[in-house]
């Protein structure tokens, strides 16, 4: 059973890492600003998934805390950039 869990977590890590690289390409080459914002949000979500999968793989609970902090930072940054794109100003 442990071998199956290790195999699934490693597969998930590889898949999330590959998708993060693809989103990095979209951030660099994105045709519009909203495309880049969505790609950055997806990268933040993938990094959270990578941290959680790494926590499952290693058994260290510290990475769960890191994932929670990254999720909060990703949410705040996405809302801030979306507000800047829509209104043109962050602080009114």
N, C-alpha and C. Protein backbone atom coordinates (compact mmCIF):
# COMPACT_ATOMS: atom_id res chain seq x y z
N UNK A 1 0.83 -1.20 0.00
CA UNK A 1 0.00 0.00 0.00
C UNK A 1 0.86 1.24 0.00
N UNK A 2 1.99 1.23 0.73
CA UNK A 2 2.87 2.38 0.78
C UNK A 2 3.52 2.64 -0.57
N UNK A 3 3.82 1.56 -1.30
CA UNK A 3 4.42 1.75 -2.62
C UNK A 3 3.46 2.44 -3.57
N UNK A 4 2.17 2.11 -3.47
CA UNK A 4 1.17 2.75 -4.32
C UNK A 4 1.06 4.23 -3.98
N UNK A 5 1.06 4.57 -2.68
CA UNK A 5 0.99 5.97 -2.26
C UNK A 5 2.22 6.74 -2.73
N UNK A 6 3.41 6.13 -2.61
CA UNK A 6 4.62 6.79 -3.09
C UNK A 6 4.57 7.01 -4.59
N UNK A 7 4.09 6.02 -5.31
CA UNK A 7 4.01 6.14 -6.77
C UNK A 7 3.03 7.24 -7.19
N UNK A 8 1.88 7.30 -6.51
CA UNK A 8 0.87 8.31 -6.84
C UNK A 8 1.37 9.71 -6.48
N UNK A 9 2.02 9.86 -5.33
CA UNK A 9 2.53 11.19 -4.96
C UNK A 9 3.65 11.63 -5.90
N UNK A 10 4.52 10.72 -6.30
CA UNK A 10 5.57 11.09 -7.25
C UNK A 10 4.98 11.45 -8.61
N UNK A 11 3.97 10.71 -9.04
CA UNK A 11 3.29 11.05 -10.29
C UNK A 11 2.63 12.42 -10.22
N UNK A 12 2.01 12.71 -9.09
CA UNK A 12 1.38 14.01 -8.89
C UNK A 12 2.41 15.13 -8.86
N UNK A 13 3.56 14.89 -8.23
CA UNK A 13 4.62 15.90 -8.20
C UNK A 13 5.15 16.19 -9.61
N UNK A 14 5.35 15.15 -10.38
CA UNK A 14 5.85 15.34 -11.75
C UNK A 14 4.81 16.08 -12.59
N UNK A 15 3.56 15.69 -12.48
CA UNK A 15 2.50 16.33 -13.25
C UNK A 15 2.32 17.80 -12.86
N UNK A 16 2.30 18.09 -11.56
CA UNK A 16 2.14 19.48 -11.11
C UNK A 16 3.35 20.32 -11.52
N UNK A 17 4.52 19.74 -11.48
CA UNK A 17 5.72 20.48 -11.90
C UNK A 17 5.68 20.78 -13.39
N UNK A 18 5.29 19.81 -14.19
CA UNK A 18 5.19 20.03 -15.63
C UNK A 18 4.15 21.10 -15.96
N UNK A 19 3.01 21.05 -15.29
CA UNK A 19 1.97 22.05 -15.54
C UNK A 19 2.40 23.44 -15.09
N UNK A 20 3.21 23.51 -14.03
CA UNK A 20 3.74 24.79 -13.59
C UNK A 20 4.66 25.39 -14.64
N UNK A 21 5.47 24.53 -15.28
CA UNK A 21 6.34 25.01 -16.35
C UNK A 21 5.52 25.52 -17.54
N UNK A 22 4.46 24.82 -17.87
CA UNK A 22 3.59 25.28 -18.96
C UNK A 22 2.96 26.62 -18.63
N UNK A 23 2.55 26.80 -17.39
CA UNK A 23 1.97 28.09 -16.99
C UNK A 23 3.03 29.19 -17.01
N UNK A 24 4.27 28.84 -16.70
CA UNK A 24 5.36 29.81 -16.80
C UNK A 24 5.53 30.29 -18.23
N UNK A 25 5.37 29.38 -19.17
CA UNK A 25 5.42 29.79 -20.57
C UNK A 25 4.29 30.76 -20.89
N UNK A 26 3.09 30.53 -20.36
CA UNK A 26 1.96 31.41 -20.60
C UNK A 26 2.19 32.78 -19.95
N UNK A 27 2.84 32.81 -18.80
CA UNK A 27 3.15 34.09 -18.16
C UNK A 27 4.10 34.90 -19.03
N UNK A 28 5.07 34.23 -19.63
CA UNK A 28 6.05 34.95 -20.44
C UNK A 28 5.45 35.35 -21.78
N UNK A 29 4.76 34.46 -22.45
CA UNK A 29 4.28 34.69 -23.80
C UNK A 29 2.79 35.05 -23.89
N UNK A 30 2.14 35.22 -22.74
CA UNK A 30 0.69 35.46 -22.75
C UNK A 30 0.33 36.66 -23.61
N UNK A 31 -0.69 36.55 -24.43
CA UNK A 31 -0.99 37.69 -25.30
C UNK A 31 -1.61 38.86 -24.56
N UNK A 32 -2.33 38.61 -23.48
CA UNK A 32 -2.98 39.71 -22.75
C UNK A 32 -2.61 39.63 -21.27
N UNK A 33 -2.86 40.71 -20.57
CA UNK A 33 -2.57 40.76 -19.14
C UNK A 33 -3.46 39.78 -18.35
N UNK A 34 -4.78 39.69 -18.66
CA UNK A 34 -5.58 38.71 -17.92
C UNK A 34 -5.10 37.26 -18.11
N UNK A 35 -4.57 36.93 -19.29
CA UNK A 35 -4.00 35.59 -19.47
C UNK A 35 -2.83 35.36 -18.52
N UNK A 36 -2.01 36.38 -18.38
CA UNK A 36 -0.86 36.26 -17.48
C UNK A 36 -1.30 36.16 -16.02
N UNK A 37 -2.34 36.90 -15.65
CA UNK A 37 -2.84 36.84 -14.27
C UNK A 37 -3.39 35.45 -13.96
N UNK A 38 -4.13 34.90 -14.88
CA UNK A 38 -4.68 33.56 -14.67
C UNK A 38 -3.55 32.53 -14.58
N UNK A 39 -2.52 32.71 -15.41
CA UNK A 39 -1.39 31.78 -15.36
C UNK A 39 -0.65 31.90 -14.03
N UNK A 40 -0.49 33.12 -13.52
CA UNK A 40 0.16 33.28 -12.22
C UNK A 40 -0.66 32.66 -11.10
N UNK A 41 -1.98 32.81 -11.17
CA UNK A 41 -2.84 32.18 -10.16
C UNK A 41 -2.73 30.66 -10.23
N UNK A 42 -2.65 30.14 -11.43
CA UNK A 42 -2.51 28.69 -11.59
C UNK A 42 -1.16 28.21 -11.07
N UNK A 43 -0.12 29.01 -11.29
CA UNK A 43 1.19 28.64 -10.75
C UNK A 43 1.14 28.60 -9.22
N UNK A 44 0.48 29.58 -8.62
CA UNK A 44 0.37 29.59 -7.15
C UNK A 44 -0.38 28.35 -6.66
N UNK A 45 -1.45 27.99 -7.37
CA UNK A 45 -2.21 26.79 -6.98
C UNK A 45 -1.36 25.54 -7.15
N UNK A 46 -0.59 25.46 -8.23
CA UNK A 46 0.26 24.29 -8.45
C UNK A 46 1.37 24.20 -7.41
N UNK A 47 1.92 25.33 -7.00
CA UNK A 47 2.96 25.30 -5.97
C UNK A 47 2.38 24.82 -4.63
N UNK A 48 1.16 25.22 -4.34
CA UNK A 48 0.50 24.72 -3.12
C UNK A 48 0.31 23.20 -3.22
N UNK A 49 -0.12 22.73 -4.39
CA UNK A 49 -0.29 21.29 -4.58
C UNK A 49 1.04 20.55 -4.45
N UNK A 50 2.10 21.14 -4.99
CA UNK A 50 3.43 20.52 -4.88
C UNK A 50 3.85 20.43 -3.42
N UNK A 51 3.62 21.49 -2.65
CA UNK A 51 3.99 21.49 -1.23
C UNK A 51 3.21 20.43 -0.47
N UNK A 52 1.93 20.29 -0.77
CA UNK A 52 1.12 19.29 -0.07
C UNK A 52 1.55 17.87 -0.47
N UNK A 53 1.79 17.66 -1.76
CA UNK A 53 2.25 16.34 -2.18
C UNK A 53 3.61 16.01 -1.58
N UNK A 54 4.48 17.01 -1.47
CA UNK A 54 5.79 16.78 -0.85
C UNK A 54 5.63 16.47 0.63
N UNK A 55 4.65 17.12 1.29
CA UNK A 55 4.39 16.82 2.71
C UNK A 55 3.89 15.40 2.87
N UNK A 56 3.05 14.95 1.95
CA UNK A 56 2.56 13.57 2.01
C UNK A 56 3.71 12.60 1.77
N UNK A 57 4.57 12.94 0.82
CA UNK A 57 5.68 12.06 0.47
C UNK A 57 6.70 11.93 1.59
N UNK A 58 7.00 13.05 2.26
CA UNK A 58 8.02 13.01 3.30
C UNK A 58 7.47 12.80 4.70
N UNK A 59 6.19 13.08 4.90
CA UNK A 59 5.60 12.93 6.23
C UNK A 59 5.86 14.12 7.14
N UNK A 60 6.38 15.19 6.60
CA UNK A 60 6.65 16.41 7.37
C UNK A 60 5.44 17.33 7.30
N UNK A 61 4.94 17.73 8.47
CA UNK A 61 3.75 18.59 8.49
C UNK A 61 4.09 20.05 8.27
N UNK A 62 5.36 20.39 8.31
CA UNK A 62 5.78 21.78 8.10
C UNK A 62 5.39 22.27 6.71
N UNK A 63 5.41 21.39 5.72
CA UNK A 63 5.09 21.79 4.37
C UNK A 63 3.61 22.13 4.20
N UNK A 64 2.77 21.60 5.06
CA UNK A 64 1.34 21.97 5.04
C UNK A 64 1.20 23.43 5.45
N UNK A 65 1.94 23.84 6.47
CA UNK A 65 1.91 25.24 6.89
C UNK A 65 2.44 26.14 5.79
N UNK A 66 3.50 25.71 5.14
CA UNK A 66 4.04 26.49 4.02
C UNK A 66 3.01 26.60 2.89
N UNK A 67 2.29 25.51 2.63
CA UNK A 67 1.27 25.52 1.59
C UNK A 67 0.14 26.49 1.94
N UNK A 68 -0.26 26.52 3.20
CA UNK A 68 -1.32 27.44 3.61
C UNK A 68 -0.89 28.90 3.44
N UNK A 69 0.34 29.20 3.82
CA UNK A 69 0.84 30.57 3.67
C UNK A 69 0.93 30.93 2.19
N UNK A 70 1.41 30.01 1.37
CA UNK A 70 1.48 30.27 -0.07
C UNK A 70 0.10 30.47 -0.68
N UNK A 71 -0.89 29.74 -0.19
CA UNK A 71 -2.25 29.89 -0.70
C UNK A 71 -2.80 31.27 -0.35
N UNK A 72 -2.53 31.74 0.86
CA UNK A 72 -3.00 33.06 1.27
C UNK A 72 -2.31 34.14 0.44
N UNK A 73 -1.00 34.02 0.26
CA UNK A 73 -0.27 35.01 -0.53
C UNK A 73 -0.74 34.99 -1.99
N UNK A 74 -0.97 33.82 -2.53
CA UNK A 74 -1.46 33.71 -3.90
C UNK A 74 -2.82 34.33 -4.07
N UNK A 75 -3.71 34.14 -3.10
CA UNK A 75 -5.04 34.73 -3.18
C UNK A 75 -4.97 36.24 -3.12
N UNK A 76 -4.21 36.76 -2.18
CA UNK A 76 -4.11 38.22 -2.04
C UNK A 76 -3.48 38.85 -3.28
N UNK A 77 -2.45 38.22 -3.81
CA UNK A 77 -1.81 38.78 -5.00
C UNK A 77 -2.73 38.72 -6.21
N UNK A 78 -3.50 37.65 -6.35
CA UNK A 78 -4.43 37.55 -7.48
C UNK A 78 -5.52 38.61 -7.39
N UNK A 79 -6.06 38.81 -6.21
CA UNK A 79 -7.10 39.84 -6.03
C UNK A 79 -6.52 41.23 -6.30
N UNK A 80 -5.30 41.46 -5.85
CA UNK A 80 -4.68 42.77 -6.05
C UNK A 80 -4.44 43.04 -7.54
N UNK A 81 -3.89 42.06 -8.24
CA UNK A 81 -3.62 42.25 -9.67
C UNK A 81 -4.92 42.38 -10.45
N UNK A 82 -5.94 41.61 -10.09
CA UNK A 82 -7.22 41.71 -10.78
C UNK A 82 -7.84 43.09 -10.56
N UNK A 83 -7.72 43.62 -9.35
CA UNK A 83 -8.23 44.96 -9.08
C UNK A 83 -7.47 46.00 -9.89
N UNK A 84 -6.15 45.80 -10.03
CA UNK A 84 -5.35 46.74 -10.82
C UNK A 84 -5.73 46.67 -12.29
N UNK A 85 -5.99 45.48 -12.79
CA UNK A 85 -6.36 45.34 -14.20
C UNK A 85 -7.72 45.99 -14.47
N UNK A 86 -8.66 45.80 -13.56
CA UNK A 86 -10.01 46.32 -13.78
C UNK A 86 -10.08 47.82 -13.55
N UNK A 87 -9.51 48.30 -12.45
CA UNK A 87 -9.68 49.70 -12.07
C UNK A 87 -8.47 50.58 -12.40
N UNK A 88 -7.32 49.98 -12.64
CA UNK A 88 -6.13 50.76 -12.96
C UNK A 88 -5.43 51.33 -11.75
N UNK A 89 -5.94 51.04 -10.55
CA UNK A 89 -5.32 51.53 -9.33
C UNK A 89 -5.61 50.53 -8.23
N UNK A 90 -4.62 50.31 -7.35
CA UNK A 90 -4.82 49.33 -6.28
C UNK A 90 -5.42 50.00 -5.05
N UNK A 91 -4.84 51.14 -4.66
CA UNK A 91 -5.32 51.85 -3.48
C UNK A 91 -6.02 53.12 -3.95
N UNK A 92 -7.24 53.30 -3.51
CA UNK A 92 -8.00 54.47 -3.95
C UNK A 92 -7.89 55.60 -2.96
